[in-house]
């Protein structure tokens, strides 16, 4: 349910959504999935989604209509270009060296 929600949300926002990897669970469901949202501001929208999500629902398969609780962990990270070069002015750099005295 959570994976479908993220996929539909990305399509509604107009992002290029690519389902990179899906691992099925041992009995049923999805064990893990990797989704790639291609958009200049996708990370800004999704960065607050990182964490554990809880889904509580009434199972249609349970005759007692009891509540079932599921948990899913979401990790969001930006795609970083490896070709970025950083220039540090030596005048802005300060190196301090310390030596501790005593045992340990």
Protein backbone atom coordinates (compact mmCIF):
# COMPACT_ATOMS: atom_id res chain seq x y z
CA UNK A 1 0.00 0.00 0.00
CA UNK A 2 2.77 2.43 0.93
CA UNK A 3 4.76 1.70 -2.23
CA UNK A 4 1.67 2.25 -4.39
CA UNK A 5 0.97 5.50 -2.57
CA UNK A 6 4.47 6.85 -3.26
CA UNK A 7 4.35 5.78 -6.92
CA UNK A 8 0.98 7.45 -7.52
CA UNK A 9 2.05 10.58 -5.61
CA UNK A 10 5.17 10.91 -7.78
CA UNK A 11 3.18 10.50 -10.99
CA UNK A 12 0.61 13.05 -9.81
CA UNK A 13 3.42 15.56 -9.10
CA UNK A 14 4.77 14.99 -12.62
CA UNK A 15 8.00 13.29 -11.55
CA UNK A 16 9.67 10.58 -13.60
CA UNK A 17 9.16 7.61 -11.29
CA UNK A 18 11.31 4.51 -11.75
CA UNK A 19 10.77 1.37 -9.68
CA UNK A 20 14.38 0.18 -9.49
CA UNK A 21 14.11 -2.92 -7.32
CA UNK A 22 11.39 -4.93 -5.56
CA UNK A 23 11.97 -7.89 -3.24
CA UNK A 24 8.97 -10.06 -2.42
CA UNK A 25 8.30 -11.13 1.15
CA UNK A 26 8.70 -14.73 2.28
CA UNK A 27 4.98 -15.36 2.70
CA UNK A 28 3.27 -12.39 1.07
CA UNK A 29 3.73 -8.71 0.38
CA UNK A 30 6.89 -6.76 -0.34
CA UNK A 31 10.05 -7.06 1.74
CA UNK A 32 11.83 -4.05 0.23
CA UNK A 33 11.61 -1.72 -2.74
CA UNK A 34 13.73 1.02 -4.27
CA UNK A 35 12.08 3.91 -6.09
CA UNK A 36 13.92 6.64 -8.02
CA UNK A 37 12.11 9.98 -8.34
CA UNK A 38 13.69 12.06 -11.11
CA UNK A 39 12.95 15.74 -10.56
CA UNK A 40 15.00 18.77 -9.55
CA UNK A 41 13.10 19.18 -6.26
CA UNK A 42 12.08 15.59 -5.47
CA UNK A 43 14.42 15.33 -2.47
CA UNK A 44 13.01 18.54 -1.00
CA UNK A 45 9.50 17.14 -1.14
CA UNK A 46 10.40 13.68 0.18
CA UNK A 47 13.13 14.30 2.77
CA UNK A 48 10.63 14.50 5.64
CA UNK A 49 9.29 11.03 4.76
CA UNK A 50 12.39 9.35 6.23
CA UNK A 51 11.51 7.19 9.23
CA UNK A 52 9.16 4.44 10.32
CA UNK A 53 5.58 4.54 9.06
CA UNK A 54 2.70 2.71 10.74
CA UNK A 55 -0.34 1.44 8.87
CA UNK A 56 -3.41 0.39 10.85
CA UNK A 57 -6.29 -1.13 8.92
CA UNK A 58 -9.17 -3.54 9.26
CA UNK A 59 -8.21 -6.66 7.39
CA UNK A 60 -10.75 -7.85 4.79
CA UNK A 61 -9.43 -11.40 5.32
CA UNK A 62 -10.11 -11.51 9.07
CA UNK A 63 -13.64 -12.68 9.93
CA UNK A 64 -13.50 -10.76 13.22
CA UNK A 65 -12.69 -7.51 11.39
CA UNK A 66 -9.82 -6.88 13.80
CA UNK A 67 -7.28 -4.15 13.29
CA UNK A 68 -3.96 -5.17 11.78
CA UNK A 69 -0.87 -3.03 12.23
CA UNK A 70 2.04 -2.98 9.79
CA UNK A 71 5.28 -1.01 9.92
CA UNK A 72 7.50 0.17 7.08
CA UNK A 73 10.83 1.96 7.17
CA UNK A 74 11.46 4.69 4.58
CA UNK A 75 14.89 6.12 3.78
CA UNK A 76 15.18 9.11 1.43
CA UNK A 77 18.51 10.37 0.12
CA UNK A 78 19.52 12.75 -2.67
CA UNK A 79 21.34 11.67 -5.80
CA UNK A 80 24.66 13.49 -5.68
CA UNK A 81 26.83 14.22 -8.69
CA UNK A 82 30.34 12.76 -8.20
CA UNK A 83 31.93 15.32 -10.52
CA UNK A 84 31.65 18.20 -8.03
CA UNK A 85 34.97 19.88 -7.27
CA UNK A 86 35.49 22.01 -4.19
CA UNK A 87 38.21 24.67 -4.13
CA UNK A 88 39.47 25.68 -0.69
CA UNK A 89 41.53 28.83 -0.42
CA UNK A 90 44.67 28.02 1.65
CA UNK A 91 44.26 31.39 3.41
CA UNK A 92 40.88 30.20 4.76
CA UNK A 93 42.36 26.99 6.15
CA UNK A 94 43.73 26.73 9.69
CA UNK A 95 45.37 23.60 11.09
CA UNK A 96 45.80 23.24 14.86
CA UNK A 97 47.87 20.42 16.35
CA UNK A 98 47.59 19.46 20.02
CA UNK A 99 49.41 17.00 22.21
CA UNK A 100 47.89 15.60 25.36
CA UNK A 101 49.96 15.20 28.49
CA UNK A 102 49.59 12.44 31.02
CA UNK A 103 48.61 8.80 30.83
CA UNK A 104 46.04 7.52 28.44
